[in-house]
Amino acid sequence: MKKVKVAFVFEGKKDSIEEGVLIGDKVLTVADGDYSLHKFDKVDHDGVYIVNLDKNDTDYLADDGRLLFDLIVKHSNANFQWISA
């Protein structure tokens, strides 16, 4: 995982650049306190990860936000352990 710059494209227009976390072939972003996970389309010449919502608007966290836990464990270092309360 690493912090990256992300821009969303919607109706052919690119939004402002925001921060996100690269997780595999997807980027995790937060807006107004809501997390979303989208597959990015490409990386532009400035290193900004482009999420083209016109091509694919699937938010992989929309149906089950607990997926985020699995992604963190899968893509973190080997010393990370999940501890339930």
Protein backbone atom coordinates (compact mmCIF):
# COMPACT_ATOMS: atom_id res chain seq x y z
CA MET A 1 0.00 0.00 0.00
CA LYS A 2 1.14 3.53 -0.69
CA LYS A 3 -0.32 7.01 -0.69
CA VAL A 4 -1.11 8.31 -4.19
CA LYS A 5 -2.83 11.19 -5.97
CA VAL A 6 -6.24 10.32 -7.44
CA ALA A 7 -8.57 12.10 -9.86
CA PHE A 8 -12.06 10.95 -10.81
CA VAL A 9 -13.50 11.41 -14.30
CA PHE A 10 -17.28 11.79 -14.48
CA GLU A 11 -19.25 12.76 -17.58
CA GLY A 12 -15.95 13.35 -19.36
CA LYS A 13 -14.68 15.90 -16.82
CA LYS A 14 -11.75 15.34 -14.47
CA ASP A 15 -12.33 16.39 -10.85
CA SER A 16 -9.73 17.94 -8.60
CA ILE A 17 -6.87 15.79 -7.39
CA GLU A 18 -7.23 14.17 -3.97
CA GLU A 19 -5.23 11.77 -1.85
CA GLY A 20 -5.85 8.06 -1.86
CA VAL A 21 -4.21 4.77 -0.97
CA LEU A 22 -3.18 2.32 -3.67
CA ILE A 23 -4.33 -1.20 -2.84
CA GLY A 24 -3.51 -3.64 -5.61
CA ASP A 25 -5.28 -2.47 -8.78
CA LYS A 26 -7.66 -0.20 -6.83
CA VAL A 27 -7.51 3.09 -4.95
CA LEU A 28 -9.10 3.82 -1.58
CA THR A 29 -10.41 7.38 -1.17
CA VAL A 30 -12.52 9.23 1.37
CA ALA A 31 -15.00 12.04 0.71
CA ASP A 32 -17.32 13.56 3.29
CA GLY A 33 -16.39 10.80 5.75
CA ASP A 34 -17.33 7.99 3.35
CA TYR A 35 -14.71 5.55 2.10
CA SER A 36 -14.80 4.23 -1.44
CA LEU A 37 -12.70 1.73 -3.34
CA HIS A 38 -12.51 1.97 -7.14
CA LYS A 39 -10.44 0.29 -9.82
CA PHE A 40 -8.22 2.87 -11.49
CA ASP A 41 -8.17 3.19 -15.27
CA LYS A 42 -4.64 4.51 -15.81
CA VAL A 43 -1.86 6.64 -14.38
CA ASP A 44 -1.30 9.97 -16.14
CA HIS A 45 2.05 11.57 -16.94
CA ASP A 46 2.05 13.38 -13.54
CA GLY A 47 1.63 10.12 -11.62
CA VAL A 48 -2.06 10.76 -10.85
CA TYR A 49 -4.21 7.63 -10.72
CA ILE A 50 -7.28 8.18 -12.88
CA VAL A 51 -10.60 6.58 -11.88
CA ASN A 52 -12.91 6.83 -14.88
CA LEU A 53 -16.43 6.56 -13.50
CA ASP A 54 -17.82 6.78 -17.04
CA LYS A 55 -16.24 3.38 -17.79
CA ASN A 56 -16.59 1.69 -14.38
CA ASP A 57 -18.42 3.26 -11.45
CA THR A 58 -18.27 0.21 -9.15
CA ASP A 59 -17.50 1.09 -5.54
CA TYR A 60 -16.20 -2.18 -4.11
CA LEU A 61 -16.98 -1.05 -0.55
CA ALA A 62 -20.59 -0.08 -1.28
CA ASP A 63 -22.06 -3.51 -0.53
CA ASP A 64 -19.79 -4.54 2.33
CA GLY A 65 -17.46 -2.07 4.03
CA ARG A 66 -15.84 -4.97 5.92
CA LEU A 67 -13.98 -5.76 2.70
CA LEU A 68 -11.64 -2.96 3.75
CA PHE A 69 -10.42 -5.10 6.68
CA ASP A 70 -9.54 -7.96 4.34
CA LEU A 71 -7.68 -5.63 1.98
CA ILE A 72 -5.65 -4.09 4.79
CA VAL A 73 -4.62 -7.51 6.08
CA LYS A 74 -3.88 -8.88 2.60
CA HIS A 75 -1.75 -5.92 1.49
CA SER A 76 -0.01 -5.08 4.78
CA ASN A 77 3.26 -6.43 6.03
CA ALA A 78 3.52 -9.96 7.43
CA ASN A 79 3.68 -8.72 11.06
CA PHE A 80 0.15 -7.28 10.99
CA GLN A 81 -2.38 -9.33 12.98
CA TRP A 82 -6.13 -8.90 13.26
CA ILE A 83 -7.32 -8.91 16.90
CA SER A 84 -11.03 -9.09 17.58
CA ALA A 85 -12.54 -7.35 20.58
